Structure formats: structure tokens, C-alpha cells
Protein backbone atom coordinates (compact mmCIF):
# COMPACT_ATOMS: atom_id res chain seq x y z
CA MET A 1 130.49 140.95 42.77
CA SER A 2 131.63 138.86 46.02
CA SER A 3 135.23 137.70 46.23
CA PHE A 4 134.39 134.85 48.61
CA ARG A 5 135.15 131.46 47.01
CA GLY A 6 134.14 128.29 49.52
CA ASP A 7 136.98 126.27 47.48
CA THR A 8 139.81 128.25 48.86
CA LEU A 9 139.49 128.00 52.30
CA LYS A 10 142.91 127.05 53.82
CA PRO A 11 143.40 124.13 55.88
CA ASN A 12 144.21 125.89 59.30
CA HIS A 13 140.70 127.80 58.71
CA ILE A 14 138.50 124.69 58.60
CA ALA A 15 140.55 123.30 61.86
CA PHE A 16 139.86 126.79 63.43
CA ALA A 17 135.85 126.90 62.59
CA SER A 18 135.86 123.06 63.78
CA THR A 19 137.19 124.38 67.03
CA LEU A 20 134.55 127.06 67.01
CA ALA A 21 131.74 124.64 66.37
CA ALA A 22 132.90 122.12 68.95
CA ILE A 23 133.04 125.07 71.61
CA ALA A 24 129.72 126.26 70.77
CA VAL A 25 128.05 122.90 70.93
CA ALA A 26 129.83 122.24 74.51
CA GLY A 27 128.87 125.26 76.17
CA ALA A 28 125.10 124.87 74.97
CA ALA A 29 124.64 121.37 76.30
CA PRO A 30 122.44 121.42 79.56
CA ALA A 31 123.83 120.37 82.71
CA GLN A 32 121.11 117.62 82.99
CA ASP A 33 119.78 115.62 80.13
CA TYR A 34 116.14 115.67 81.91
CA THR A 35 114.66 118.17 84.39
CA ALA A 36 111.84 117.49 86.50
CA ARG A 37 109.52 120.37 88.48
CA LEU A 38 108.15 118.51 91.37
CA SER A 39 105.26 120.19 93.48
CA LEU A 40 104.52 120.15 96.98
CA ASP A 41 102.00 121.92 98.93
CA VAL A 42 104.14 122.00 102.20
CA PRO A 43 106.68 124.19 103.54
CA GLU A 44 110.31 123.08 103.77
CA ASP A 45 109.96 122.13 107.24
CA ASN A 46 107.81 119.61 106.35
CA PRO A 47 108.38 115.56 106.51
CA LYS A 48 107.08 115.34 103.02
CA TYR A 49 109.58 118.01 101.88
CA ALA A 50 112.54 116.15 103.62
CA ALA A 51 111.55 112.77 101.80
CA ALA A 52 111.39 114.95 98.37
CA GLU A 53 114.75 116.37 99.08
CA ILE A 54 116.15 112.90 99.70
CA PHE A 55 114.69 111.61 96.46
CA ALA A 56 116.08 114.50 94.44
CA GLU A 57 119.37 113.90 95.93
CA GLN A 58 119.24 110.23 95.24
CA VAL A 59 118.09 110.64 91.59
CA ALA A 60 120.96 112.82 90.89
CA GLU A 61 123.30 110.29 92.53
CA ASN A 62 121.68 107.42 90.72
CA THR A 63 121.97 109.12 87.31
CA ASP A 64 125.26 110.94 87.59
CA GLY A 65 123.47 114.00 87.23
CA ALA A 66 121.74 113.24 83.80
CA VAL A 67 118.08 113.64 85.68
CA GLU A 68 117.50 116.66 88.17
CA ILE A 69 114.73 116.95 90.12
CA GLN A 70 113.60 120.39 90.99
CA LEU A 71 111.54 120.88 94.23
CA PHE A 72 108.62 123.81 94.28
CA PRO A 73 107.17 123.74 97.86
CA ASN A 74 104.26 126.01 99.26
CA SER A 75 102.37 125.29 96.28
CA LEU A 76 104.40 127.33 94.15
CA LEU A 77 103.19 125.59 91.18
CA GLY A 78 99.80 125.84 92.23
CA GLY A 79 97.47 124.03 94.73
CA GLU A 80 97.36 120.30 94.46
CA VAL A 81 94.26 120.28 92.38
CA GLU A 82 96.17 122.79 89.65
CA SER A 83 99.47 120.67 90.05
CA ALA A 84 97.54 117.30 89.32
CA GLU A 85 95.97 118.86 86.39
CA GLY A 86 99.44 120.30 85.28
CA ILE A 87 101.19 116.70 85.91
CA ARG A 88 98.44 115.07 83.62
CA LEU A 89 99.01 117.55 80.78
CA GLY A 90 102.87 117.67 81.30
CA SER A 91 103.20 121.43 82.28
CA VAL A 92 104.40 119.96 85.50
CA GLN A 93 106.54 116.95 85.76
CA ALA A 94 105.96 115.79 89.49
CA GLY A 95 104.54 115.86 92.94
CA ILE A 96 103.41 114.16 95.88
CA ILE A 97 99.84 114.66 95.73
CA THR A 98 97.18 113.71 98.47
CA SER A 99 95.52 110.83 97.21
CA SER A 100 92.01 112.08 97.68
CA VAL A 101 92.70 114.99 95.34
CA LEU A 102 93.52 112.54 92.67
CA ALA A 103 90.48 110.36 93.01
CA GLN A 104 88.63 112.81 90.34
CA TRP A 105 90.97 111.01 87.65
CA VAL A 106 91.81 107.95 89.33
CA PRO A 107 88.37 106.59 91.43
CA GLU A 108 89.88 103.56 92.69
CA VAL A 109 92.28 105.28 95.10
CA GLN A 110 89.43 106.78 97.22
CA VAL A 111 89.80 103.32 98.82
CA LEU A 112 92.81 104.68 100.80
CA ASP A 113 90.24 107.57 102.32
CA LEU A 114 87.86 104.95 103.90
CA PRO A 115 87.91 104.97 107.81
CA PHE A 116 89.75 102.48 109.96
CA ILE A 117 91.50 100.49 106.67
CA PHE A 118 95.09 100.70 108.71
CA ASN A 119 95.52 99.20 111.83
CA SER A 120 98.72 101.31 112.44
CA ASP A 121 101.30 103.44 111.22
CA ALA A 122 103.74 100.35 110.20
CA HIS A 123 100.33 98.74 108.18
CA ALA A 124 99.96 102.25 106.37
CA VAL A 125 103.34 102.09 105.48
CA ALA A 126 103.20 98.18 104.48
CA MET A 127 100.35 98.60 101.81
CA ASN A 128 102.77 100.81 99.57
CA GLY A 129 104.39 98.22 97.51
CA PRO A 130 101.36 95.80 96.82
CA VAL A 131 98.79 98.99 96.44
CA THR A 132 101.21 100.80 94.00
CA GLU A 133 101.42 97.60 92.03
CA ALA A 134 97.75 97.00 91.81
CA LEU A 135 97.00 100.71 90.94
CA GLN A 136 100.02 101.70 88.35
CA ASP A 137 97.75 100.91 85.23
CA ASP A 138 94.86 102.95 86.42
CA PHE A 139 97.18 105.92 87.35
CA ALA A 140 98.79 105.34 83.75
CA GLU A 141 95.60 105.67 82.09
CA ALA A 142 94.60 108.83 83.62
CA GLY A 143 97.99 110.35 82.68
CA PHE A 144 99.96 109.65 85.74
CA HIS A 145 103.14 107.24 86.52
CA LEU A 146 102.60 106.33 90.11
CA LEU A 147 105.81 105.71 92.06
CA GLY A 148 104.43 104.79 95.38
CA PHE A 149 102.46 106.06 98.54
CA THR A 150 103.29 107.38 101.90
CA PRO A 151 101.59 108.03 104.94
CA ASN A 152 101.73 111.78 105.67
CA GLY A 153 99.90 111.73 109.06
CA ALA A 154 96.90 110.44 110.66
CA ARG A 155 93.70 112.05 111.78
CA ALA A 156 92.98 112.20 115.43
CA VAL A 157 90.04 113.84 117.31
CA ILE A 158 90.83 117.17 119.05
CA SER A 159 88.21 118.48 121.65
CA LYS A 160 87.11 120.54 124.92
CA GLU A 161 86.28 117.24 126.42
CA PRO A 162 87.88 113.78 126.84
CA VAL A 163 86.94 111.39 124.00
CA ARG A 164 87.28 107.85 124.11
CA VAL A 165 84.53 105.97 123.04
CA PRO A 166 81.82 106.96 120.27
CA ALA A 167 79.23 107.89 123.17
CA ASP A 168 81.34 110.61 124.07
CA VAL A 169 80.70 112.33 120.87
CA GLU A 170 77.09 111.86 120.65
CA GLY A 171 75.02 115.29 120.26
CA LYS A 172 78.55 116.99 120.32
CA LYS A 173 78.71 119.67 117.35
CA MET A 174 81.73 118.66 115.22
CA ARG A 175 83.61 120.50 112.78
CA VAL A 176 84.12 118.30 109.81
CA ILE A 177 86.20 118.95 106.47
CA GLN A 178 83.90 119.78 103.42
CA SER A 179 83.43 116.02 102.23
CA ASP A 180 80.17 113.89 102.06
CA LEU A 181 82.42 110.99 103.40
CA HIS A 182 83.12 112.68 106.78
CA VAL A 183 79.99 114.40 107.09
CA ASP A 184 78.28 110.88 107.02
CA LEU A 185 81.19 109.41 109.26
CA TRP A 186 80.75 111.64 112.07
CA ASP A 187 76.66 111.59 111.84
CA GLN A 188 76.77 107.91 111.99
CA ALA A 189 79.01 108.36 115.02
CA GLY A 190 76.31 110.25 116.84
CA ALA A 191 77.75 114.02 116.29
CA SER A 192 76.01 116.92 114.61
CA PRO A 193 78.93 117.33 111.93
CA THR A 194 79.30 121.09 110.73
CA PRO A 195 81.61 121.67 107.66
CA ILE A 196 83.81 124.66 108.68
CA PRO A 197 86.90 125.94 106.54
CA HIS A 198 90.43 125.23 108.07
CA PRO A 199 91.28 128.85 108.87
CA GLU A 200 88.08 129.10 110.82
CA ILE A 201 88.51 126.31 113.17
CA TYR A 202 90.38 128.21 116.17
CA ASN A 203 87.79 130.86 116.75
CA ALA A 204 84.83 128.02 116.13
CA MET A 205 86.08 126.16 118.95
CA GLN A 206 86.78 129.46 120.97
CA THR A 207 83.44 130.81 120.64
CA GLY A 208 81.52 127.36 120.92
CA VAL A 209 80.32 126.92 117.46
CA VAL A 210 81.87 123.64 117.70
CA ASP A 211 83.11 121.30 120.45
CA LEU A 212 85.80 118.85 118.72
CA PHE A 213 86.92 118.41 115.25
CA ASP A 214 89.60 115.93 113.83
CA ASN A 215 92.90 116.66 112.43
CA THR A 216 96.79 115.63 112.68
CA ALA A 217 99.04 116.04 115.24
CA SER A 218 101.55 118.55 113.47
CA ASN A 219 98.62 121.34 112.91
CA TYR A 220 97.41 120.60 116.48
CA TYR A 221 100.73 122.44 117.53
CA SER A 222 101.47 124.76 114.65
CA GLU A 223 97.80 126.22 114.65
CA SER A 224 98.06 126.41 118.38
CA TRP A 225 94.70 124.55 118.58
CA TYR A 226 95.51 123.01 122.15
CA GLU A 227 94.58 126.35 123.59
CA VAL A 228 91.00 125.97 122.86
CA ALA A 229 90.95 122.00 122.53
CA PRO A 230 93.02 120.68 125.45
CA TYR A 231 92.36 116.80 124.60
CA TYR A 232 93.89 115.10 121.72
CA THR A 233 92.63 111.56 121.18
CA LYS A 234 94.87 109.33 118.98
CA LEU A 235 92.18 107.93 117.07
CA ASP A 236 93.99 107.14 113.86
CA HIS A 237 90.83 106.75 111.81
CA ILE A 238 91.57 107.87 108.54
CA TYR A 239 95.26 108.43 107.16
CA ALA A 240 96.28 111.46 104.92
CA ILE A 241 98.08 109.44 102.06
CA GLY A 242 100.68 111.08 99.48
CA SER A 243 100.56 109.74 95.96
CA TRP A 244 103.82 110.04 94.14
CA VAL A 245 103.41 110.71 90.72
CA PHE A 246 104.96 111.62 87.39
CA SER A 247 103.54 112.64 84.29
CA GLU A 248 102.96 109.60 82.17
CA THR A 249 104.27 111.79 79.05
CA TRP A 250 107.35 112.59 80.81
CA TRP A 251 108.18 109.35 82.18
CA GLN A 252 107.87 107.48 78.70
CA ALA A 253 110.43 109.85 77.13
CA LEU A 254 112.86 108.65 79.87
CA PRO A 255 115.36 106.08 78.94
CA GLU A 256 114.91 102.69 80.87
CA GLU A 257 117.96 103.13 82.92
CA HIS A 258 116.82 106.55 84.20
CA ARG A 259 113.51 105.07 84.95
CA ALA A 260 114.94 102.41 87.22
CA ALA A 261 117.08 104.69 88.74
CA ILE A 262 114.11 107.09 89.87
CA GLU A 263 112.26 104.10 90.94
CA GLU A 264 114.98 103.11 93.31
CA ALA A 265 115.67 106.76 94.82
CA ALA A 266 111.74 106.77 95.33
CA ALA A 267 111.97 103.59 97.05
CA THR A 268 114.55 104.89 99.27
CA ALA A 269 112.80 108.49 100.23
CA GLN A 270 109.86 106.73 100.89
CA GLU A 271 111.49 104.35 103.37
CA GLN A 272 112.69 107.05 105.21
CA GLN A 273 109.56 109.47 105.32
CA PRO A 274 107.40 107.74 107.91
CA GLU A 275 110.28 107.93 110.41
CA LEU A 276 110.54 111.59 109.72
CA GLN A 277 106.81 112.21 109.90
CA ALA A 278 106.79 109.91 113.35
CA GLU A 279 109.58 112.38 114.77
CA GLN A 280 107.82 115.75 113.64
CA ASP A 281 104.64 114.34 115.43
CA ALA A 282 105.85 113.44 118.76
CA ALA A 283 107.85 116.48 118.71
CA ALA A 284 104.64 118.63 118.21
CA LEU A 285 102.38 116.72 120.89
CA SER A 286 105.27 117.11 123.16
CA ARG A 287 105.15 120.59 123.09
CA THR A 288 101.51 120.85 123.44
CA GLU A 289 101.55 118.54 126.53
CA GLU A 290 104.11 121.37 127.67
CA GLU A 291 101.43 123.74 127.29
CA GLY A 292 98.79 121.71 129.32
CA SER A 293 97.19 119.60 126.81
CA THR A 294 96.14 115.90 127.52
CA ILE A 295 97.09 113.26 124.82
CA ILE A 296 94.69 110.16 124.84
CA THR A 297 95.76 106.87 123.73
CA ASP A 298 93.75 104.37 125.47
CA VAL A 299 91.21 104.21 122.64
CA ASP A 300 88.86 101.29 122.26
CA ARG A 301 89.24 101.42 118.13
CA GLN A 302 87.27 98.20 117.72
CA ALA A 303 84.04 100.20 119.17
CA TRP A 304 84.98 103.03 116.78
CA THR A 305 85.20 100.44 114.00
CA ASP A 306 82.10 98.75 114.59
CA LYS A 307 80.05 102.44 114.76
CA MET A 308 81.51 103.75 111.84
CA MET A 309 81.45 100.47 109.46
CA PRO A 310 78.24 101.36 107.58
CA VAL A 311 79.43 104.24 106.29
CA ARG A 312 82.76 102.58 105.32
CA GLU A 313 80.66 99.64 103.34
CA SER A 314 78.31 102.26 101.69
CA TYR A 315 81.20 104.35 100.11
CA ALA A 316 83.25 101.34 99.42
CA ALA A 317 80.29 99.77 96.98
CA GLU A 318 80.68 102.91 94.87
CA ILE A 319 84.38 102.71 94.45
CA PRO A 320 85.73 100.53 91.73
CA ARG A 321 87.62 97.32 92.64
CA ALA A 322 87.66 98.27 96.11
CA GLU A 323 86.68 94.50 97.70
CA GLU A 324 89.93 93.62 95.73
CA LEU A 325 92.02 96.73 96.97
CA LEU A 326 90.84 96.39 100.75
CA GLU A 327 91.92 92.80 100.69
CA ILE A 328 95.33 93.83 99.14
CA ILE A 329 95.29 96.54 102.07
CA SER A 330 94.41 93.92 104.65
CA GLU A 331 96.82 91.35 103.69
CA ALA A 332 99.74 93.88 103.77
CA ASP A 333 99.32 94.59 107.47
CA PRO A 334 102.77 93.67 108.91
CA GLY A 335 101.10 92.76 112.19
CA SER A 336 98.48 90.20 110.70
């Protein structure tokens, strides 16, 4: 028969047990109340990562450490499609995902991929607030909480011969990404578009499979494309736009004060990213010039816009709310 009798505990025993319990609870408490894993498809030296780092630091400061944003660069949580799916399901809490990737769930965001909708880098930045407000409900219905957009570089024409007007690409073999929009766009311009995977661009240019292609400034330098394509025409016809998204489920579980703190932190980081991007682009192009490339900026953008407008109008007709969104973007132009 057991000799234990619960009603015979001494007061000092009770106090000791209470102390042990308090220590155990304190030791088990997490350093942060909420943790979000944020997926990135870029390395640590990319402006998108730098902006995410600013964001994470600001969130920690704004919430006194109650919310932690953990950064996972280099597609460690999967590619952009896998990360987006994870955010929708809640297995990944956040990401800065290229807008075109999200179009399969939020078709309205395809409007950001249309050619010549931005008149300048500043215009691509100015659209953030009004377009975010216009699309937030559409993102929420798809399982994403949208915190804003940032431009991640603009596409330029990269070629063996100078390109300034649409006539300069007529009959030329052009590498394009594997996208119907891009194929149709350059076909309309008079080129002969050929979809080729990204890793094969250098060899395709070197061997004459293609004569030109379009891509961004940072890649022009990092991929050494200036060696086989010495002309870089700053056309800026299509911008790569990053969507800052959280899992809607995770977001709704946050206290209101933490949501406000995260929104404030995102606004701070998004304001700084364009400058970081511009600095990297300028440095990249300067290095290619040192290697003998020619940067062309005297481009007749209106001639290109007029030439490509039929494709823009055709695709816009298939995008929900395109007319409304294009008007919002136009009115956001800081130069208008």
C-alpha cells in the first residue's frame, strides 16, 4: 500500500514545486511569439534579399522581437511556384514572388506583365500603393495577404548589333522566354522569336542560333553576355515585379498590432529597394562598359509602344479588370 498522502504536503514542498513549475514554463517559452519563413529565389547579394533583410530587421524592432522573419534565399524552400503554393497552404509563411508566377491564382496581376505600362523606374515604384489596394482582396481570396510590390529590374534588348528602333530587329532571330506573350510581342515587332532556356543563352548567341534577346542589367554582367552581345539597349519594355505576400491564414492569426507593425516594416523596405536595385544595375552596366560593351539609351520608346500596342491590347482583353488596373497604373505616374 502506498504511503503517499496528497494532504500531507508541507508548505515548503508546495512552494518548491511552484518554483520548479514557473522555471519550466519560462524555459519553454519561445523567443518569438510568431515566426515566418520568407522564401526568396535570389542569393544574398541581390537587392531583393537586401530589402527582405531590412524588412526582417524592422519587423523585429517594431514588434519588440515578438515576430521573427526568417530569410531563406537561393530557393531553399523551393522555386517560386513551389513557394507560392506553400504560402497558400501555410507551410511557408511569406515570400517575395515574381508577379507573373502568381497569375495562375490571381489572374488580375498579369496586368503588370504587359509591355510599356510604366513610363519610368519611378512610375514602377509609384504604382505600389494604389495597385496594392486594388488587388488586396483578390490576393486574399487566393490565400495570399498582399503587402505590396517592388520592381526587380527592367528588361533591355541585348544584341550583336545596335538596336534603337523596331526596324532594327526585323528579320532577326530573337531568343525569348517560354511565354506566349513574349513570343507574340517580338513577332509583332518583326523579329523571329525562338524560346530558349536561360542557361543556353550564351551558347545560342555565340554560335549564331540567335542574334539578340532581352534581359536585365544585373544578368547582363553576371552571365558575361556582354562577351557575345556587346550592345545593351535600355528599352525597359517589361518590368519584373515582385509581389510581397504572406499566407492569409498565418496573417489572420496575428494580433492587430503585429499586422500594423509588419505593414509599416514592409513599407520601409519597399521604399529602399528601388535605390538598391538602381545601384546594382548601374554598377553592373559600368563593369560591362569597362569590358567593351555599348549602352544605348537614346531609344524612341513611342515607336516601340506603337508597334507593340496590338499585343498589349489583345492580352489585356483577357485579363480580369485590366482596363481599371491600367487606369490606376497610369494615374500613379509621378511624371504625369
